[in-house]
N, C-alpha and C. Protein backbone atom coordinates (compact mmCIF):
# COMPACT_ATOMS: atom_id res chain seq x y z
N MET A 1 42.03 13.67 -6.84
CA MET A 1 42.90 12.60 -7.05
C MET A 1 44.22 12.10 -6.62
N GLU A 2 44.55 10.88 -5.47
CA GLU A 2 45.42 10.51 -5.42
C GLU A 2 46.19 9.85 -5.96
N ASN A 3 47.31 10.50 -5.71
CA ASN A 3 48.85 9.10 -5.91
C ASN A 3 48.50 8.07 -6.06
N PRO A 4 48.56 7.57 -7.40
CA PRO A 4 48.34 5.88 -7.39
C PRO A 4 49.00 5.40 -7.08
N LYS A 5 50.35 5.51 -6.84
CA LYS A 5 51.35 5.09 -5.92
C LYS A 5 51.09 5.23 -4.94
N SER A 6 50.34 6.22 -4.11
CA SER A 6 50.50 5.98 -2.30
C SER A 6 49.01 5.15 -2.24
N SER A 7 48.05 5.56 -3.47
CA SER A 7 46.76 4.37 -2.85
C SER A 7 47.08 3.35 -3.06
N GLU A 8 48.59 2.84 -3.94
CA GLU A 8 48.84 1.37 -4.39
C GLU A 8 49.05 0.62 -3.00
N SER A 9 50.15 1.58 -2.34
CA SER A 9 50.35 0.96 -0.89
C SER A 9 49.62 1.02 0.44
N ALA A 10 48.14 1.63 0.25
CA ALA A 10 47.52 1.64 0.82
C ALA A 10 46.40 0.56 0.88
N ASN A 11 46.25 0.30 -0.80
CA ASN A 11 45.36 -0.99 -0.63
C ASN A 11 45.82 -1.79 -1.79
N PRO A 12 47.09 -2.83 -1.35
CA PRO A 12 47.33 -3.87 -2.21
C PRO A 12 46.58 -4.71 -3.13
N ILE A 13 45.50 -5.04 -2.88
CA ILE A 13 44.50 -5.25 -3.46
C ILE A 13 43.07 -4.73 -4.11
N ALA A 14 43.63 -3.60 -4.94
CA ALA A 14 43.01 -2.62 -5.45
C ALA A 14 42.21 -2.47 -6.63
N GLU A 15 42.87 -3.93 -7.32
CA GLU A 15 41.77 -4.73 -8.50
C GLU A 15 40.93 -5.73 -7.79
N LEU A 16 41.05 -5.69 -7.00
CA LEU A 16 39.93 -6.42 -5.92
C LEU A 16 38.34 -5.73 -5.33
N ILE A 17 39.14 -4.95 -4.47
CA ILE A 17 38.36 -3.75 -3.86
C ILE A 17 38.77 -2.44 -4.05
N ASN A 18 37.79 -1.73 -3.98
CA ASN A 18 38.20 -0.40 -3.88
C ASN A 18 38.40 0.33 -3.12
N ASP A 19 39.45 1.54 -2.59
CA ASP A 19 40.29 2.31 -1.61
C ASP A 19 39.59 2.31 -0.26
N ASP A 20 38.27 2.99 -0.38
CA ASP A 20 37.51 3.25 0.52
C ASP A 20 37.03 1.60 1.04
N THR A 21 36.69 0.80 0.46
CA THR A 21 36.32 -0.81 1.13
C THR A 21 36.85 -1.13 2.05
N TYR A 22 38.55 -1.15 1.36
CA TYR A 22 39.45 -1.90 2.29
C TYR A 22 40.30 -0.65 2.84
N ALA A 23 40.01 0.41 3.48
CA ALA A 23 40.19 1.33 4.38
C ALA A 23 38.98 0.90 5.36
N LEU A 24 37.64 0.78 5.04
CA LEU A 24 36.37 0.80 5.84
C LEU A 24 36.87 -0.78 6.57
N LEU A 25 37.18 -1.79 5.48
CA LEU A 25 37.51 -3.07 6.45
C LEU A 25 38.74 -3.49 7.15
N THR A 26 39.75 -2.48 6.67
CA THR A 26 41.05 -2.74 7.28
C THR A 26 40.58 -1.71 8.72
N SER A 27 40.15 -0.73 8.77
CA SER A 27 39.40 -0.06 10.09
C SER A 27 38.71 -1.25 11.00
N ARG A 28 38.02 -1.80 10.56
CA ARG A 28 37.27 -2.89 11.36
C ARG A 28 38.08 -3.61 11.65
N GLY A 29 39.00 -4.30 11.34
CA GLY A 29 39.87 -5.40 11.24
C GLY A 29 39.66 -6.59 11.07
N LEU A 30 38.93 -6.47 9.76
CA LEU A 30 38.09 -7.06 8.65
C LEU A 30 39.11 -8.09 7.85
N ILE A 31 40.54 -7.31 8.06
CA ILE A 31 41.24 -7.92 6.27
C ILE A 31 42.27 -8.52 7.73
N ASP A 32 42.34 -10.21 6.43
CA ASP A 32 43.62 -10.80 7.15
C ASP A 32 44.64 -9.88 6.38
N GLU A 33 45.99 -9.92 7.17
CA GLU A 33 46.90 -9.24 6.32
C GLU A 33 47.87 -10.40 5.93
N LYS A 34 47.78 -11.45 6.60
CA LYS A 34 48.46 -12.86 6.25
C LYS A 34 47.59 -13.22 4.88
N SER A 35 46.45 -13.28 4.82
CA SER A 35 45.92 -13.67 3.49
C SER A 35 46.34 -12.88 2.64
N VAL A 36 46.25 -11.16 2.48
CA VAL A 36 46.78 -10.54 1.57
C VAL A 36 48.21 -10.70 1.23
N ARG A 37 48.97 -10.94 1.95
CA ARG A 37 50.24 -10.77 1.51
C ARG A 37 50.59 -12.04 1.00
N ASP A 38 49.52 -12.95 0.80
CA ASP A 38 49.66 -14.76 0.51
C ASP A 38 49.09 -14.52 -1.07
N TYR A 39 47.95 -13.93 -1.04
CA TYR A 39 47.32 -13.47 -2.62
C TYR A 39 48.23 -13.04 -3.73
N LEU A 40 49.52 -11.42 -2.72
CA LEU A 40 50.51 -10.56 -3.76
C LEU A 40 51.62 -11.81 -3.91
N ILE A 41 51.65 -12.90 -3.37
CA ILE A 41 53.00 -13.32 -3.57
C ILE A 41 52.45 -14.41 -4.03
N ARG A 42 51.62 -15.05 -4.40
CA ARG A 42 50.78 -16.44 -5.73
C ARG A 42 50.47 -15.32 -7.11
N LYS A 43 50.40 -14.02 -6.85
CA LYS A 43 50.19 -13.29 -8.27
C LYS A 43 51.43 -13.10 -8.90
N LYS A 44 52.28 -12.43 -7.81
CA LYS A 44 53.99 -11.92 -8.49
C LYS A 44 54.40 -12.59 -9.06
N PHE A 45 54.48 -14.35 -8.62
CA PHE A 45 54.77 -15.80 -9.05
C PHE A 45 54.31 -16.26 -10.14
N LYS A 46 53.10 -16.09 -10.15
CA LYS A 46 52.09 -16.02 -11.78
C LYS A 46 52.94 -15.52 -12.66
N ASP A 47 53.21 -14.02 -12.51
CA ASP A 47 53.52 -12.91 -13.43
C ASP A 47 54.89 -13.68 -13.88
N LEU A 48 55.49 -14.15 -12.72
CA LEU A 48 57.04 -14.42 -12.92
C LEU A 48 57.09 -15.48 -14.07
N ARG A 49 55.88 -16.52 -13.24
CA ARG A 49 55.89 -17.94 -14.66
C ARG A 49 55.77 -17.76 -15.70
N ALA A 50 54.95 -16.30 -15.95
CA ALA A 50 54.57 -16.26 -17.19
C ALA A 50 55.22 -15.45 -18.28
N LYS A 51 56.79 -15.22 -17.34
CA LYS A 51 57.71 -14.19 -18.03
C LYS A 51 58.55 -15.23 -18.49
N LYS A 52 58.68 -16.23 -18.21
CA LYS A 52 59.31 -17.56 -18.58
C LYS A 52 60.34 -17.72 -17.41
N VAL A 53 60.43 -17.15 -16.00
CA VAL A 53 61.21 -17.18 -14.89
C VAL A 53 61.05 -18.67 -14.32
N SER A 54 62.18 -19.51 -14.24
CA SER A 54 61.87 -20.85 -13.60
C SER A 54 61.61 -20.49 -12.22
N ALA A 55 60.73 -21.69 -11.81
CA ALA A 55 60.00 -21.81 -10.68
C ALA A 55 60.71 -21.25 -9.22
N SER A 56 61.97 -22.13 -9.05
CA SER A 56 63.33 -21.75 -7.73
C SER A 56 63.37 -20.23 -8.83
N ASP A 57 63.56 -19.72 -9.49
CA ASP A 57 64.27 -18.10 -9.73
C ASP A 57 62.74 -17.07 -9.28
N ALA A 58 61.85 -17.70 -9.58
CA ALA A 58 60.74 -16.74 -9.16
C ALA A 58 60.55 -16.61 -7.90
N ILE A 59 60.52 -17.79 -6.92
CA ILE A 59 60.72 -18.14 -4.99
C ILE A 59 61.52 -17.33 -4.74
N GLU A 60 62.75 -17.49 -5.44
CA GLU A 60 64.21 -15.83 -4.95
C GLU A 60 64.15 -15.02 -5.10
N THR A 61 63.87 -14.80 -5.93
CA THR A 61 62.46 -13.33 -6.64
C THR A 61 62.01 -12.72 -4.59
N LEU A 62 60.73 -13.63 -4.94
CA LEU A 62 59.90 -13.18 -4.17
C LEU A 62 60.51 -13.56 -2.71
N ARG A 63 61.35 -14.07 -2.24
CA ARG A 63 62.39 -13.96 -1.16
C ARG A 63 63.19 -12.72 -0.76
N GLU A 64 63.34 -11.79 -2.07
CA GLU A 64 64.01 -10.72 -1.68
C GLU A 64 63.31 -9.71 -1.51
N ASP A 65 61.78 -10.02 -1.70
CA ASP A 65 60.94 -9.18 -1.51
C ASP A 65 60.15 -9.57 0.22
N TYR A 66 60.20 -10.57 0.63
CA TYR A 66 59.93 -11.00 1.89
C TYR A 66 60.67 -11.92 2.55
N PRO A 67 61.82 -11.14 3.13
CA PRO A 67 63.13 -12.08 3.50
C PRO A 67 63.23 -12.72 4.57
N TYR A 68 61.71 -12.47 5.24
CA TYR A 68 60.97 -13.19 6.48
C TYR A 68 60.90 -14.39 6.29
N LEU A 69 60.44 -14.94 5.43
CA LEU A 69 59.83 -15.88 4.46
C LEU A 69 60.98 -16.66 4.00
N GLN A 70 60.87 -18.00 4.46
CA GLN A 70 61.99 -19.27 3.99
C GLN A 70 61.54 -19.78 2.56
N PHE A 71 62.44 -19.93 1.83
CA PHE A 71 62.11 -20.76 0.45
C PHE A 71 61.03 -21.69 0.42
N ASP A 72 61.22 -22.85 1.02
CA ASP A 72 59.56 -23.46 1.32
C ASP A 72 58.67 -22.97 1.69
N THR A 73 58.36 -21.82 2.58
CA THR A 73 57.22 -21.06 2.84
C THR A 73 56.62 -20.99 1.87
N ILE A 74 57.26 -19.73 1.07
CA ILE A 74 56.94 -19.31 -0.24
C ILE A 74 56.72 -20.47 -1.26
N ARG A 75 57.06 -21.61 -1.16
CA ARG A 75 56.99 -22.52 -2.19
C ARG A 75 55.56 -22.98 -1.88
N LYS A 76 55.37 -23.35 -0.74
CA LYS A 76 54.04 -23.78 -0.02
C LYS A 76 53.03 -23.18 -0.17
N ILE A 77 52.99 -21.62 0.10
CA ILE A 77 52.24 -20.59 -0.06
C ILE A 77 51.87 -20.37 -2.22
N VAL A 78 52.77 -20.74 -2.52
CA VAL A 78 52.89 -20.38 -4.49
C VAL A 78 51.89 -21.90 -4.99
N TYR A 79 51.94 -22.61 -4.07
CA TYR A 79 51.09 -24.13 -4.53
C TYR A 79 50.45 -24.67 -3.84
N GLN A 80 49.90 -24.06 -2.75
CA GLN A 80 49.40 -24.58 -2.05
C GLN A 80 47.53 -24.11 -2.47
N PRO A 81 46.36 -25.16 -2.56
CA PRO A 81 45.43 -24.96 -3.16
C PRO A 81 44.42 -23.78 -2.08
N HIS A 82 44.13 -23.20 -2.94
CA HIS A 82 43.64 -21.82 -2.41
C HIS A 82 41.80 -21.98 -2.68
N ASN A 83 40.84 -21.23 -1.46
CA ASN A 83 39.69 -21.29 -1.97
C ASN A 83 38.86 -19.90 -2.84
């Protein structure tokens, strides 16, 4: 069995699809990395807000994880309606 930490980094959406499916889709170029990143940002934002972290502090925390994104970009990601 694989180390859970290594499979987590290989498959950032393990709660949605299994590792083999993720690897297959990635190898065929069928995973939109930006959409995966945005999903993870929304998920972490929701988790932080559930812990009573203010919205602006949650966005600042996310900026530490994604320093190449501006505050407003993260704000748009977490508040945009997603399908």
